[in-house]
Protein backbone atom coordinates (compact mmCIF):
# COMPACT_ATOMS: atom_id res chain seq x y z
CA UNK A 1 174.14 165.77 -126.89
CA UNK A 2 177.61 167.53 -126.89
CA UNK A 3 178.70 165.40 -123.98
CA UNK A 4 177.78 162.18 -125.76
CA UNK A 5 179.52 163.53 -128.94
CA UNK A 6 182.62 163.81 -126.85
CA UNK A 7 182.37 160.49 -125.18
CA UNK A 8 182.06 158.64 -128.74
CA UNK A 9 185.14 160.77 -130.03
CA UNK A 10 187.05 159.30 -126.67
CA UNK A 11 185.91 156.01 -127.54
CA UNK A 12 186.96 156.22 -131.10
CA UNK A 13 190.30 156.75 -129.96
CA UNK A 14 190.16 153.52 -127.76
CA UNK A 15 189.27 155.30 -124.32
CA UNK A 16 188.31 152.48 -122.34
CA UNK A 17 186.54 154.87 -119.75
CA UNK A 18 184.70 156.66 -122.56
CA UNK A 19 183.29 153.31 -124.04
CA UNK A 20 182.28 152.25 -120.58
CA UNK A 21 180.07 155.57 -119.95
CA UNK A 22 178.44 154.76 -123.11
CA UNK A 23 177.75 151.10 -122.15
CA UNK A 24 176.15 152.14 -118.90
CA UNK A 25 174.24 154.91 -120.53
CA UNK A 26 172.56 152.50 -123.01
CA UNK A 27 172.86 148.84 -121.77
CA UNK A 28 169.37 148.79 -120.07
CA UNK A 29 167.61 150.37 -122.83
CA UNK A 30 169.10 148.01 -125.40
CA UNK A 31 168.50 145.00 -123.27
CA UNK A 32 165.00 145.98 -122.73
CA UNK A 33 164.49 146.57 -126.56
CA UNK A 34 165.78 143.13 -127.02
CA UNK A 35 164.07 141.48 -124.89
CA UNK A 36 160.54 142.72 -125.91
CA UNK A 37 161.66 141.49 -129.32
CA UNK A 38 162.94 138.02 -128.62
CA UNK A 39 161.16 137.10 -125.58
CA UNK A 40 163.60 135.29 -123.45
CA UNK A 41 166.09 137.09 -120.92
CA UNK A 42 169.20 134.48 -121.95
CA UNK A 43 168.61 135.21 -125.41
CA UNK A 44 168.38 139.09 -124.63
CA UNK A 45 171.34 139.03 -122.60
CA UNK A 46 173.56 137.43 -125.54
CA UNK A 47 172.11 139.58 -127.97
CA UNK A 48 172.59 142.58 -125.96
CA UNK A 49 176.52 141.61 -125.63
CA UNK A 50 176.82 141.11 -129.00
CA UNK A 51 175.58 144.48 -129.54
CA UNK A 52 178.16 146.37 -127.52
CA UNK A 53 180.92 144.02 -128.82
CA UNK A 54 179.68 145.02 -132.59
CA UNK A 55 179.70 148.56 -131.44
CA UNK A 56 183.05 148.53 -129.79
CA UNK A 57 184.75 146.83 -132.82
CA UNK A 58 183.26 149.32 -135.32
CA UNK A 59 183.08 152.46 -133.37
CA UNK A 60 185.81 153.88 -135.25
CA UNK A 61 183.57 153.90 -138.40
CA UNK A 62 180.72 155.84 -136.84
CA UNK A 63 179.77 159.24 -138.14
CA UNK A 64 177.71 162.04 -136.76
CA UNK A 65 174.69 162.40 -139.34
CA UNK A 66 172.13 164.50 -137.10
CA UNK A 67 171.22 161.41 -135.18
CA UNK A 68 171.87 160.33 -131.50
CA UNK A 69 174.27 158.03 -130.91
CA UNK A 70 171.60 155.71 -129.44
CA UNK A 71 170.00 155.26 -132.93
CA UNK A 72 173.45 153.54 -133.99
CA UNK A 73 173.21 151.34 -131.35
CA UNK A 74 169.99 150.27 -131.87
CA UNK A 75 170.13 149.89 -135.63
CA UNK A 76 173.16 147.42 -134.47
CA UNK A 77 170.36 146.00 -132.17
CA UNK A 78 167.58 145.61 -134.58
CA UNK A 79 169.89 143.82 -137.25
CA UNK A 80 170.91 141.35 -134.51
CA UNK A 81 167.37 140.53 -133.57
CA UNK A 82 166.33 140.29 -137.43
CA UNK A 83 169.56 137.58 -137.84
CA UNK A 84 168.28 135.78 -134.50
CA UNK A 85 164.98 135.56 -135.85
CA UNK A 86 165.89 134.48 -139.05
CA UNK A 87 168.01 131.56 -137.25
CA UNK A 88 165.15 130.57 -134.80
CA UNK A 89 163.01 130.31 -137.66
CA UNK A 90 165.21 127.82 -139.35
CA UNK A 91 165.50 125.48 -136.32
CA UNK A 92 162.82 123.56 -134.18
CA UNK A 93 162.88 124.63 -130.80
CA UNK A 94 160.63 124.24 -127.80
CA UNK A 95 160.34 127.45 -125.59
CA UNK A 96 160.67 127.12 -121.62
CA UNK A 97 158.61 129.53 -119.77
CA UNK A 98 160.83 132.43 -119.38
CA UNK A 99 158.19 135.01 -117.67
CA UNK A 100 158.75 134.80 -114.02
CA UNK A 101 155.89 135.77 -111.82
CA UNK A 102 156.65 138.97 -109.66
CA UNK A 103 156.74 137.65 -106.31
CA UNK A 104 154.27 139.44 -103.87
CA UNK A 105 152.66 138.39 -100.74
CA UNK A 106 149.43 138.39 -102.66
CA UNK A 107 149.00 135.17 -104.80
CA UNK A 108 145.78 136.59 -106.58
CA UNK A 109 148.03 139.42 -107.45
CA UNK A 110 150.29 137.26 -109.02
CA UNK A 111 147.72 135.59 -110.80
CA UNK A 112 146.39 138.96 -112.28
CA UNK A 113 149.84 140.49 -113.17
CA UNK A 114 150.63 136.97 -115.24
CA UNK A 115 147.36 137.22 -116.86
CA UNK A 116 147.98 140.85 -117.76
CA UNK A 117 151.30 139.83 -119.22
CA UNK A 118 149.98 137.04 -121.22
CA UNK A 119 147.43 139.41 -122.75
CA UNK A 120 150.15 142.04 -123.67
CA UNK A 121 152.30 139.46 -125.35
CA UNK A 122 148.99 138.23 -127.24
CA UNK A 123 148.22 141.97 -128.04
CA UNK A 124 151.57 142.82 -129.15
CA UNK A 125 151.63 139.57 -131.43
CA UNK A 126 148.54 140.99 -133.45
CA UNK A 127 150.58 143.81 -134.77
CA UNK A 128 152.70 143.93 -137.79
CA UNK A 129 156.38 143.75 -137.42
CA UNK A 130 156.91 147.44 -138.21
CA UNK A 131 154.46 148.30 -135.28
CA UNK A 132 155.92 146.19 -132.97
CA UNK A 133 159.51 147.45 -133.84
CA UNK A 134 157.92 151.11 -132.96
CA UNK A 135 156.76 149.82 -129.77
CA UNK A 136 159.74 148.00 -128.67
CA UNK A 137 161.88 151.25 -129.43
CA UNK A 138 159.33 153.64 -127.45
CA UNK A 139 158.61 151.80 -124.40
CA UNK A 140 161.40 149.07 -123.94
CA UNK A 141 164.29 151.03 -126.00
CA UNK A 142 162.84 154.43 -124.36
CA UNK A 143 163.26 156.37 -127.47
CA UNK A 144 161.46 159.71 -128.19
CA UNK A 145 158.38 159.74 -130.39
CA UNK A 146 160.43 161.61 -132.59
């Protein structure tokens, strides 16, 4: 935690190396969290980029409040996902299949993996928004239960 605090303080003073280390530390978790929430890689990539741009723009106003820096990043991500979903609900779209099959030498295993993924997506779709948020933060974002 002290190392992270040191990185954030340096990033607040516009140390690009420190912000780069923060980016490297959190990028994968933020991306996975967003991907689970929006469902398409292209949208997840765009939103993840926006998270880190917003963080860079406003890191100077970040203050420590007993929570890890990652909580602040995930709050930015959550707000961007909510905005994205609101915009998406207002426009008519036809989603393209974005789930890529895991290429194995076993076509039967490929079909099983695809079916498992479809079942998972259906099960998560039955959860409330708050429950989906918890699942995404815990498993895709890699956050602790606390």
